[in-house]
């Protein structure tokens, strides 16, 4: 099982992620895409990255162009380095 990060480490890691914020034991980002097709393309790119990392975010598509991603390490019961690694990878994906 992965080691949980302490609050200070989480805040330090968040300082390097411009689009993410902490909500309890999750890190969350909201993205506004150009249209529904762009939102779905972004979600598919996130899914591919998540599969490659074997670490899967909760994904919500709402409205017609809004995507919310929520990342935590369910098996560890909180935030780990894997969550921040996935967030960093997601930040490199084209956003429509």
PDB file of N, CA and C in Angstrom:
ATOM      1  N   UNK A   1       0.851  -1.180   0.000  1.00  0.00           N
ATOM      2  CA  UNK A   1       0.000   0.000   0.000  1.00  0.00           C
ATOM      3  C   UNK A   1       0.897   1.242   0.000  1.00  0.00           C
ATOM      4  N   UNK A   2       0.448   2.274  -0.687  1.00  0.00           N
ATOM      5  CA  UNK A   2       1.197   3.527  -0.792  1.00  0.00           C
ATOM      6  C   UNK A   2       1.118   4.312   0.515  1.00  0.00           C
ATOM      7  N   UNK A   3       2.168   5.085   0.768  1.00  0.00           N
ATOM      8  CA  UNK A   3       2.211   5.904   1.977  1.00  0.00           C
ATOM      9  C   UNK A   3       1.353   7.150   1.806  1.00  0.00           C
ATOM     10  N   UNK A   4       0.529   7.444   2.809  1.00  0.00           N
ATOM     11  CA  UNK A   4      -0.259   8.668   2.807  1.00  0.00           C
ATOM     12  C   UNK A   4       0.657   9.872   3.016  1.00  0.00           C
ATOM     13  N   UNK A   5       0.325  10.960   2.353  1.00  0.00           N
ATOM     14  CA  UNK A   5       1.077  12.202   2.522  1.00  0.00           C
ATOM     15  C   UNK A   5       0.502  13.002   3.684  1.00  0.00           C
ATOM     16  N   UNK A   6       1.357  13.696   4.424  1.00  0.00           N
ATOM     17  CA  UNK A   6       0.873  14.544   5.514  1.00  0.00           C
ATOM     18  C   UNK A   6       0.392  15.882   4.932  1.00  0.00           C
ATOM     19  N   UNK A   7      -0.296  16.648   5.749  1.00  0.00           N
ATOM     20  CA  UNK A   7      -0.908  17.902   5.290  1.00  0.00           C
ATOM     21  C   UNK A   7       0.113  18.875   4.706  1.00  0.00           C
ATOM     22  N   UNK A   8       1.265  18.999   5.341  1.00  0.00           N
ATOM     23  CA  UNK A   8       2.287  19.924   4.841  1.00  0.00           C
ATOM     24  C   UNK A   8       2.777  19.507   3.459  1.00  0.00           C
ATOM     25  N   UNK A   9       2.990  18.227   3.268  1.00  0.00           N
ATOM     26  CA  UNK A   9       3.446  17.723   1.969  1.00  0.00           C
ATOM     27  C   UNK A   9       2.374  17.923   0.911  1.00  0.00           C
ATOM     28  N   UNK A  10       1.131  17.680   1.271  1.00  0.00           N
ATOM     29  CA  UNK A  10       0.018  17.887   0.333  1.00  0.00           C
ATOM     30  C   UNK A  10      -0.022  19.343  -0.108  1.00  0.00           C
ATOM     31  N   UNK A  11       0.074  20.259   0.834  1.00  0.00           N
ATOM     32  CA  UNK A  11       0.033  21.684   0.492  1.00  0.00           C
ATOM     33  C   UNK A  11       1.217  22.069  -0.389  1.00  0.00           C
ATOM     34  N   UNK A  12       2.384  21.505  -0.106  1.00  0.00           N
ATOM     35  CA  UNK A  12       3.564  21.780  -0.930  1.00  0.00           C
ATOM     36  C   UNK A  12       3.347  21.275  -2.347  1.00  0.00           C
ATOM     37  N   UNK A  13       2.817  20.060  -2.496  1.00  0.00           N
ATOM     38  CA  UNK A  13       2.563  19.486  -3.825  1.00  0.00           C
ATOM     39  C   UNK A  13       1.508  20.302  -4.573  1.00  0.00           C
ATOM     40  N   UNK A  14       0.476  20.744  -3.871  1.00  0.00           N
ATOM     41  CA  UNK A  14      -0.561  21.563  -4.506  1.00  0.00           C
ATOM     42  C   UNK A  14      -0.002  22.886  -5.014  1.00  0.00           C
ATOM     43  N   UNK A  15       1.032  23.380  -4.372  1.00  0.00           N
ATOM     44  CA  UNK A  15       1.664  24.610  -4.808  1.00  0.00           C
ATOM     45  C   UNK A  15       2.261  24.515  -6.205  1.00  0.00           C
ATOM     46  N   UNK A  16       2.484  23.294  -6.664  1.00  0.00           N
ATOM     47  CA  UNK A  16       3.031  23.058  -8.002  1.00  0.00           C
ATOM     48  C   UNK A  16       1.946  22.746  -9.024  1.00  0.00           C
ATOM     49  N   UNK A  17       0.705  22.673  -8.583  1.00  0.00           N
ATOM     50  CA  UNK A  17      -0.426  22.333  -9.467  1.00  0.00           C
ATOM     51  C   UNK A  17      -1.394  23.509  -9.489  1.00  0.00           C
ATOM     52  N   UNK A  18      -1.306  24.308 -10.513  1.00  0.00           N
ATOM     53  CA  UNK A  18      -2.075  25.544 -10.596  1.00  0.00           C
ATOM     54  C   UNK A  18      -3.590  25.315 -10.637  1.00  0.00           C
ATOM     55  N   UNK A  19      -4.030  24.266 -11.266  1.00  0.00           N
ATOM     56  CA  UNK A  19      -5.467  24.054 -11.515  1.00  0.00           C
ATOM     57  C   UNK A  19      -6.156  23.167 -10.482  1.00  0.00           C
ATOM     58  N   UNK A  20      -5.435  22.702  -9.493  1.00  0.00           N
ATOM     59  CA  UNK A  20      -5.984  21.732  -8.549  1.00  0.00           C
ATOM     60  C   UNK A  20      -6.152  22.350  -7.165  1.00  0.00           C
ATOM     61  N   UNK A  21      -7.120  21.811  -6.419  1.00  0.00           N
ATOM     62  CA  UNK A  21      -7.351  22.232  -5.043  1.00  0.00           C
ATOM     63  C   UNK A  21      -7.678  20.987  -4.208  1.00  0.00           C
ATOM     64  N   UNK A  22      -7.553  21.128  -2.934  1.00  0.00           N
ATOM     65  CA  UNK A  22      -7.859  20.020  -2.032  1.00  0.00           C
ATOM     66  C   UNK A  22      -9.301  20.114  -1.576  1.00  0.00           C
ATOM     67  N   UNK A  23      -9.966  18.981  -1.590  1.00  0.00           N
ATOM     68  CA  UNK A  23     -11.299  18.835  -0.988  1.00  0.00           C
ATOM     69  C   UNK A  23     -11.260  17.573  -0.150  1.00  0.00           C
ATOM     70  N   UNK A  24     -11.000  17.735   1.132  1.00  0.00           N
ATOM     71  CA  UNK A  24     -10.888  16.585   2.026  1.00  0.00           C
ATOM     72  C   UNK A  24      -9.718  15.706   1.641  1.00  0.00           C
ATOM     73  N   UNK A  25      -9.997  14.439   1.366  1.00  0.00           N
ATOM     74  CA  UNK A  25      -8.962  13.483   0.992  1.00  0.00           C
ATOM     75  C   UNK A  25      -8.814  13.353  -0.518  1.00  0.00           C
ATOM     76  N   UNK A  26      -9.261  14.356  -1.258  1.00  0.00           N
ATOM     77  CA  UNK A  26      -9.166  14.357  -2.723  1.00  0.00           C
ATOM     78  C   UNK A  26      -8.464  15.628  -3.193  1.00  0.00           C
ATOM     79  N   UNK A  27      -7.873  15.552  -4.379  1.00  0.00           N
ATOM     80  CA  UNK A  27      -7.504  16.762  -5.099  1.00  0.00           C
ATOM     81  C   UNK A  27      -8.432  16.832  -6.303  1.00  0.00           C
ATOM     82  N   UNK A  28      -8.877  18.046  -6.609  1.00  0.00           N
ATOM     83  CA  UNK A  28      -9.970  18.243  -7.572  1.00  0.00           C
ATOM     84  C   UNK A  28      -9.593  19.353  -8.542  1.00  0.00           C
ATOM     85  N   UNK A  29     -10.010  19.171  -9.791  1.00  0.00           N
ATOM     86  CA  UNK A  29      -9.882  20.221 -10.786  1.00  0.00           C
ATOM     87  C   UNK A  29     -11.168  20.292 -11.600  1.00  0.00           C
ATOM     88  N   UNK A  30     -11.502  21.487 -12.040  1.00  0.00           N
ATOM     89  CA  UNK A  30     -12.643  21.706 -12.932  1.00  0.00           C
ATOM     90  C   UNK A  30     -12.113  22.302 -14.216  1.00  0.00           C
ATOM     91  N   UNK A  31     -12.579  21.782 -15.334  1.00  0.00           N
ATOM     92  CA  UNK A  31     -12.144  22.270 -16.637  1.00  0.00           C
ATOM     93  C   UNK A  31     -13.359  22.659 -17.465  1.00  0.00           C
ATOM     94  N   UNK A  32     -13.243  23.786 -18.133  1.00  0.00           N
ATOM     95  CA  UNK A  32     -14.266  24.235 -19.077  1.00  0.00           C
ATOM     96  C   UNK A  32     -13.678  24.080 -20.474  1.00  0.00           C
ATOM     97  N   UNK A  33     -14.290  23.232 -21.272  1.00  0.00           N
ATOM     98  CA  UNK A  33     -13.812  22.947 -22.610  1.00  0.00           C
ATOM     99  C   UNK A  33     -14.629  23.708 -23.639  1.00  0.00           C
ATOM    100  N   UNK A  34     -14.181  23.682 -24.874  1.00  0.00           N
ATOM    101  CA  UNK A  34     -14.823  24.458 -25.943  1.00  0.00           C
ATOM    102  C   UNK A  34     -16.253  24.017 -26.211  1.00  0.00           C
ATOM    103  N   UNK A  35     -16.502  22.722 -26.148  1.00  0.00           N
ATOM    104  CA  UNK A  35     -17.827  22.181 -26.443  1.00  0.00           C
ATOM    105  C   UNK A  35     -17.893  20.752 -25.912  1.00  0.00           C
ATOM    106  N   UNK A  36     -19.014  20.093 -26.167  1.00  0.00           N
ATOM    107  CA  UNK A  36     -19.203  18.736 -25.660  1.00  0.00           C
ATOM    108  C   UNK A  36     -18.186  17.770 -26.252  1.00  0.00           C
ATOM    109  N   UNK A  37     -17.926  17.892 -27.537  1.00  0.00           N
ATOM    110  CA  UNK A  37     -16.954  16.990 -28.184  1.00  0.00           C
ATOM    111  C   UNK A  37     -15.571  17.165 -27.560  1.00  0.00           C
ATOM    112  N   UNK A  38     -15.169  18.388 -27.288  1.00  0.00           N
ATOM    113  CA  UNK A  38     -13.873  18.636 -26.659  1.00  0.00           C
ATOM    114  C   UNK A  38     -13.843  18.071 -25.234  1.00  0.00           C
ATOM    115  N   UNK A  39     -14.945  18.195 -24.508  1.00  0.00           N
ATOM    116  CA  UNK A  39     -15.018  17.640 -23.154  1.00  0.00           C
ATOM    117  C   UNK A  39     -14.855  16.124 -23.191  1.00  0.00           C
ATOM    118  N   UNK A  40     -15.511  15.483 -24.144  1.00  0.00           N
ATOM    119  CA  UNK A  40     -15.413  14.027 -24.243  1.00  0.00           C
ATOM    120  C   UNK A  40     -14.016  13.590 -24.691  1.00  0.00           C
ATOM    121  N   UNK A  41     -13.393  14.354 -25.586  1.00  0.00           N
ATOM    122  CA  UNK A  41     -12.030  14.037 -26.010  1.00  0.00           C
ATOM    123  C   UNK A  41     -11.072  14.154 -24.823  1.00  0.00           C
ATOM    124  N   UNK A  42     -11.259  15.187 -24.001  1.00  0.00           N
ATOM    125  CA  UNK A  42     -10.434  15.357 -22.809  1.00  0.00           C
ATOM    126  C   UNK A  42     -10.643  14.192 -21.842  1.00  0.00           C
ATOM    127  N   UNK A  43     -11.889  13.813 -21.614  1.00  0.00           N
ATOM    128  CA  UNK A  43     -12.189  12.687 -20.718  1.00  0.00           C
ATOM    129  C   UNK A  43     -11.523  11.414 -21.232  1.00  0.00           C
ATOM    130  N   UNK A  44     -11.580  11.176 -22.530  1.00  0.00           N
ATOM    131  CA  UNK A  44     -10.940   9.983 -23.095  1.00  0.00           C
ATOM    132  C   UNK A  44      -9.426  10.025 -22.926  1.00  0.00           C
ATOM    133  N   UNK A  45      -8.822  11.196 -23.067  1.00  0.00           N
ATOM    134  CA  UNK A  45      -7.382  11.332 -22.852  1.00  0.00           C
ATOM    135  C   UNK A  45      -7.044  11.072 -21.387  1.00  0.00           C
ATOM    136  N   UNK A  46      -7.874  11.575 -20.467  1.00  0.00           N
ATOM    137  CA  UNK A  46      -7.676  11.308 -19.037  1.00  0.00           C
ATOM    138  C   UNK A  46      -7.797   9.811 -18.773  1.00  0.00           C
ATOM    139  N   UNK A  47      -8.788   9.166 -19.377  1.00  0.00           N
ATOM    140  CA  UNK A  47      -8.976   7.725 -19.183  1.00  0.00           C
ATOM    141  C   UNK A  47      -7.752   6.945 -19.650  1.00  0.00           C
ATOM    142  N   UNK A  48      -7.189   7.312 -20.789  1.00  0.00           N
ATOM    143  CA  UNK A  48      -5.984   6.638 -21.285  1.00  0.00           C
ATOM    144  C   UNK A  48      -4.816   6.821 -20.322  1.00  0.00           C
ATOM    145  N   UNK A  49      -4.628   8.040 -19.827  1.00  0.00           N
ATOM    146  CA  UNK A  49      -3.541   8.308 -18.879  1.00  0.00           C
ATOM    147  C   UNK A  49      -3.760   7.545 -17.575  1.00  0.00           C
ATOM    148  N   UNK A  50      -4.994   7.493 -17.117  1.00  0.00           N
ATOM    149  CA  UNK A  50      -5.312   6.785 -15.878  1.00  0.00           C
ATOM    150  C   UNK A  50      -5.063   5.282 -16.023  1.00  0.00           C
ATOM    151  N   UNK A  51      -5.446   4.731 -17.152  1.00  0.00           N
ATOM    152  CA  UNK A  51      -5.191   3.308 -17.392  1.00  0.00           C
ATOM    153  C   UNK A  51      -3.699   3.025 -17.399  1.00  0.00           C
ATOM    154  N   UNK A  52      -2.929   3.895 -18.059  1.00  0.00           N
ATOM    155  CA  UNK A  52      -1.482   3.702 -18.131  1.00  0.00           C
ATOM    156  C   UNK A  52      -0.856   3.756 -16.731  1.00  0.00           C
ATOM    157  N   UNK A  53      -1.399   4.594 -15.869  1.00  0.00           N
ATOM    158  CA  UNK A  53      -0.881   4.739 -14.501  1.00  0.00           C
ATOM    159  C   UNK A  53      -1.502   3.729 -13.535  1.00  0.00           C
ATOM    160  N   UNK A  54      -2.548   3.029 -13.984  1.00  0.00           N
ATOM    161  CA  UNK A  54      -3.324   2.146 -13.108  1.00  0.00           C
ATOM    162  C   UNK A  54      -3.793   2.896 -11.863  1.00  0.00           C
ATOM    163  N   UNK A  55      -4.274   4.118 -12.102  1.00  0.00           N
ATOM    164  CA  UNK A  55      -4.763   4.992 -11.024  1.00  0.00           C
ATOM    165  C   UNK A  55      -5.892   5.827 -11.629  1.00  0.00           C
ATOM    166  N   UNK A  56      -7.090   5.691 -11.111  1.00  0.00           N
ATOM    167  CA  UNK A  56      -8.279   6.162 -11.807  1.00  0.00           C
ATOM    168  C   UNK A  56      -9.031   7.243 -11.036  1.00  0.00           C
ATOM    169  N   UNK A  57      -9.213   8.413 -11.655  1.00  0.00           N
ATOM    170  CA  UNK A  57      -9.950   9.494 -11.001  1.00  0.00           C
ATOM    171  C   UNK A  57     -11.455   9.287 -11.131  1.00  0.00           C
ATOM    172  N   UNK A  58     -12.193   9.966 -10.271  1.00  0.00           N
ATOM    173  CA  UNK A  58     -13.624  10.102 -10.487  1.00  0.00           C
ATOM    174  C   UNK A  58     -13.795  11.199 -11.534  1.00  0.00           C
ATOM    175  N   UNK A  59     -14.658  10.968 -12.507  1.00  0.00           N
ATOM    176  CA  UNK A  59     -14.855  11.895 -13.614  1.00  0.00           C
ATOM    177  C   UNK A  59     -16.334  12.253 -13.695  1.00  0.00           C
ATOM    178  N   UNK A  60     -16.614  13.555 -13.733  1.00  0.00           N
ATOM    179  CA  UNK A  60     -17.978  14.050 -13.887  1.00  0.00           C
ATOM    180  C   UNK A  60     -18.008  14.993 -15.083  1.00  0.00           C
ATOM    181  N   UNK A  61     -18.852  14.673 -16.054  1.00  0.00           N
ATOM    182  CA  UNK A  61     -19.106  15.583 -17.170  1.00  0.00           C
ATOM    183  C   UNK A  61     -20.464  16.204 -16.891  1.00  0.00           C
ATOM    184  N   UNK A  62     -20.511  17.535 -16.844  1.00  0.00           N
ATOM    185  CA  UNK A  62     -21.776  18.195 -16.558  1.00  0.00           C
ATOM    186  C   UNK A  62     -21.900  19.427 -17.429  1.00  0.00           C
ATOM    187  N   UNK A  63     -23.125  19.942 -17.483  1.00  0.00           N
ATOM    188  CA  UNK A  63     -23.354  20.977 -18.468  1.00  0.00           C
ATOM    189  C   UNK A  63     -23.092  20.355 -19.830  1.00  0.00           C
ATOM    190  N   UNK A  64     -22.619  21.094 -20.740  1.00  0.00           N
ATOM    191  CA  UNK A  64     -22.288  20.529 -22.051  1.00  0.00           C
ATOM    192  C   UNK A  64     -20.807  20.590 -22.349  1.00  0.00           C
ATOM    193  N   UNK A  65     -20.041  21.236 -21.444  1.00  0.00           N
ATOM    194  CA  UNK A  65     -18.610  21.380 -21.705  1.00  0.00           C
ATOM    195  C   UNK A  65     -17.765  21.436 -20.435  1.00  0.00           C
ATOM    196  N   UNK A  66     -18.303  20.975 -19.328  1.00  0.00           N
ATOM    197  CA  UNK A  66     -17.597  21.054 -18.048  1.00  0.00           C
ATOM    198  C   UNK A  66     -17.197  19.664 -17.565  1.00  0.00           C
ATOM    199  N   UNK A  67     -15.961  19.557 -17.083  1.00  0.00           N
ATOM    200  CA  UNK A  67     -15.443  18.286 -16.575  1.00  0.00           C
ATOM    201  C   UNK A  67     -14.837  18.532 -15.196  1.00  0.00           C
ATOM    202  N   UNK A  68     -15.224  17.713 -14.238  1.00  0.00           N
ATOM    203  CA  UNK A  68     -14.611  17.742 -12.910  1.00  0.00           C
ATOM    204  C   UNK A  68     -13.893  16.411 -12.702  1.00  0.00           C
ATOM    205  N   UNK A  69     -12.650  16.508 -12.267  1.00  0.00           N
ATOM    206  CA  UNK A  69     -11.858  15.330 -11.941  1.00  0.00           C
ATOM    207  C   UNK A  69     -11.530  15.370 -10.453  1.00  0.00           C
ATOM    208  N   UNK A  70     -11.673  14.236  -9.805  1.00  0.00           N
ATOM    209  CA  UNK A  70     -11.369  14.105  -8.388  1.00  0.00           C
ATOM    210  C   UNK A  70     -10.461  12.894  -8.214  1.00  0.00           C
ATOM    211  N   UNK A  71      -9.312  13.112  -7.563  1.00  0.00           N
ATOM    212  CA  UNK A  71      -8.305  12.064  -7.448  1.00  0.00           C
ATOM    213  C   UNK A  71      -7.997  11.809  -5.976  1.00  0.00           C
ATOM    214  N   UNK A  72      -7.964  10.549  -5.613  1.00  0.00           N
ATOM    215  CA  UNK A  72      -7.523  10.101  -4.299  1.00  0.00           C
ATOM    216  C   UNK A  72      -7.038   8.676  -4.442  1.00  0.00           C
ATOM    217  N   UNK A  73      -6.386   8.174  -3.432  1.00  0.00           N
ATOM    218  CA  UNK A  73      -5.948   6.788  -3.449  1.00  0.00           C
ATOM    219  C   UNK A  73      -6.896   6.011  -2.546  1.00  0.00           C
ATOM    220  N   UNK A  74      -7.905   5.399  -3.162  1.00  0.00           N
ATOM    221  CA  UNK A  74      -8.946   4.716  -2.394  1.00  0.00           C
ATOM    222  C   UNK A  74      -8.370   3.608  -1.513  1.00  0.00           C
ATOM    223  N   UNK A  75      -7.449   2.834  -2.037  1.00  0.00           N
ATOM    224  CA  UNK A  75      -6.922   1.713  -1.260  1.00  0.00           C
ATOM    225  C   UNK A  75      -6.070   2.182  -0.079  1.00  0.00           C
ATOM    226  N   UNK A  76      -5.413   3.339  -0.216  1.00  0.00           N
ATOM    227  CA  UNK A  76      -4.602   3.871   0.886  1.00  0.00           C
ATOM    228  C   UNK A  76      -5.432   4.706   1.849  1.00  0.00           C
ATOM    229  N   UNK A  77      -6.608   5.163   1.408  1.00  0.00           N
ATOM    230  CA  UNK A  77      -7.479   5.940   2.274  1.00  0.00           C
ATOM    231  C   UNK A  77      -7.131   7.412   2.352  1.00  0.00           C
ATOM    232  N   UNK A  78      -6.556   7.953   1.280  1.00  0.00           N
ATOM    233  CA  UNK A  78      -6.223   9.375   1.271  1.00  0.00           C
ATOM    234  C   UNK A  78      -5.292   9.707   0.127  1.00  0.00           C
ATOM    235  N   UNK A  79      -4.561  10.791   0.276  1.00  0.00           N
ATOM    236  CA  UNK A  79      -3.703  11.278  -0.800  1.00  0.00           C
ATOM    237  C   UNK A  79      -2.289  10.708  -0.700  1.00  0.00           C
ATOM    238  N   UNK A  80      -1.787  10.264  -1.860  1.00  0.00           N
ATOM    239  CA  UNK A  80      -0.439   9.713  -1.971  1.00  0.00           C
ATOM    240  C   UNK A  80       0.279  10.393  -3.135  1.00  0.00           C
ATOM    241  N   UNK A  81       1.535  10.079  -3.299  1.00  0.00           N
ATOM    242  CA  UNK A  81       2.289  10.640  -4.411  1.00  0.00           C
ATOM    243  C   UNK A  81       1.665  10.257  -5.752  1.00  0.00           C
ATOM    244  N   UNK A  82       1.060   9.088  -5.848  1.00  0.00           N
ATOM    245  CA  UNK A  82       0.424   8.657  -7.095  1.00  0.00           C
ATOM    246  C   UNK A  82      -0.658   9.632  -7.539  1.00  0.00           C
ATOM    247  N   UNK A  83      -1.367  10.237  -6.603  1.00  0.00           N
ATOM    248  CA  UNK A  83      -2.413  11.209  -6.939  1.00  0.00           C
ATOM    249  C   UNK A  83      -1.809  12.436  -7.596  1.00  0.00           C
ATOM    250  N   UNK A  84      -0.716  12.908  -7.060  1.00  0.00           N
ATOM    251  CA  UNK A  84      -0.067  14.096  -7.613  1.00  0.00           C
ATOM    252  C   UNK A  84       0.633  13.783  -8.931  1.00  0.00           C
ATOM    253  N   UNK A  85       1.138  12.569  -9.064  1.00  0.00           N
ATOM    254  CA  UNK A  85       1.730  12.161 -10.343  1.00  0.00           C
ATOM    255  C   UNK A  85       0.652  12.144 -11.436  1.00  0.00           C
ATOM    256  N   UNK A  86      -0.523  11.603 -11.119  1.00  0.00           N
ATOM    257  CA  UNK A  86      -1.603  11.573 -12.104  1.00  0.00           C
ATOM    258  C   UNK A  86      -2.067  12.985 -12.439  1.00  0.00           C
ATOM    259  N   UNK A  87      -2.214  13.831 -11.434  1.00  0.00           N
ATOM    260  CA  UNK A  87      -2.629  15.219 -11.681  1.00  0.00           C
ATOM    261  C   UNK A  87      -1.636  15.930 -12.596  1.00  0.00           C
ATOM    262  N   UNK A  88      -0.353  15.713 -12.365  1.00  0.00           N
ATOM    263  CA  UNK A  88       0.670  16.319 -13.209  1.00  0.00           C
ATOM    264  C   UNK A  88       0.547  15.823 -14.640  1.00  0.00           C
ATOM    265  N   UNK A  89       0.307  14.543 -14.818  1.00  0.00           N
ATOM    266  CA  UNK A  89       0.117  13.991 -16.159  1.00  0.00           C
ATOM    267  C   UNK A  89      -1.118  14.586 -16.813  1.00  0.00           C
ATOM    268  N   UNK A  90      -2.211  14.689 -16.079  1.00  0.00           N
ATOM    269  CA  UNK A  90      -3.450  15.254 -16.626  1.00  0.00           C
ATOM    270  C   UNK A  90      -3.214  16.683 -17.077  1.00  0.00           C
ATOM    271  N   UNK A  91      -2.419  17.428 -16.335  1.00  0.00           N
ATOM    272  CA  UNK A  91      -2.150  18.820 -16.689  1.00  0.00           C
ATOM    273  C   UNK A  91      -1.393  18.960 -18.016  1.00  0.00           C
ATOM    274  N   UNK A  92      -0.769  17.893 -18.484  1.00  0.00           N
ATOM    275  CA  UNK A  92      -0.051  17.939 -19.750  1.00  0.00           C
ATOM    276  C   UNK A  92      -0.950  17.584 -20.936  1.00  0.00           C
ATOM    277  N   UNK A  93      -2.170  17.125 -20.666  1.00  0.00           N
ATOM    278  CA  UNK A  93      -3.060  16.693 -21.746  1.00  0.00           C
ATOM    279  C   UNK A  93      -3.659  17.892 -22.464  1.00  0.00           C
ATOM    280  N   UNK A  94      -3.868  17.765 -23.775  1.00  0.00           N
ATOM    281  CA  UNK A  94      -4.551  18.845 -24.497  1.00  0.00           C
ATOM    282  C   UNK A  94      -5.973  19.006 -23.964  1.00  0.00           C
ATOM    283  N   UNK A  95      -6.397  20.224 -23.818  1.00  0.00           N
ATOM    284  CA  UNK A  95      -7.720  20.501 -23.238  1.00  0.00           C
ATOM    285  C   UNK A  95      -8.655  21.074 -24.282  1.00  0.00           C
ATOM    286  N   UNK A  96      -8.713  20.425 -25.420  1.00  0.00           N
ATOM    287  CA  UNK A  96      -9.666  20.773 -26.450  1.00  0.00           C
ATOM    288  C   UNK A  96      -9.440  22.099 -27.059  1.00  0.00           C
TER     289      UNK A  96
END
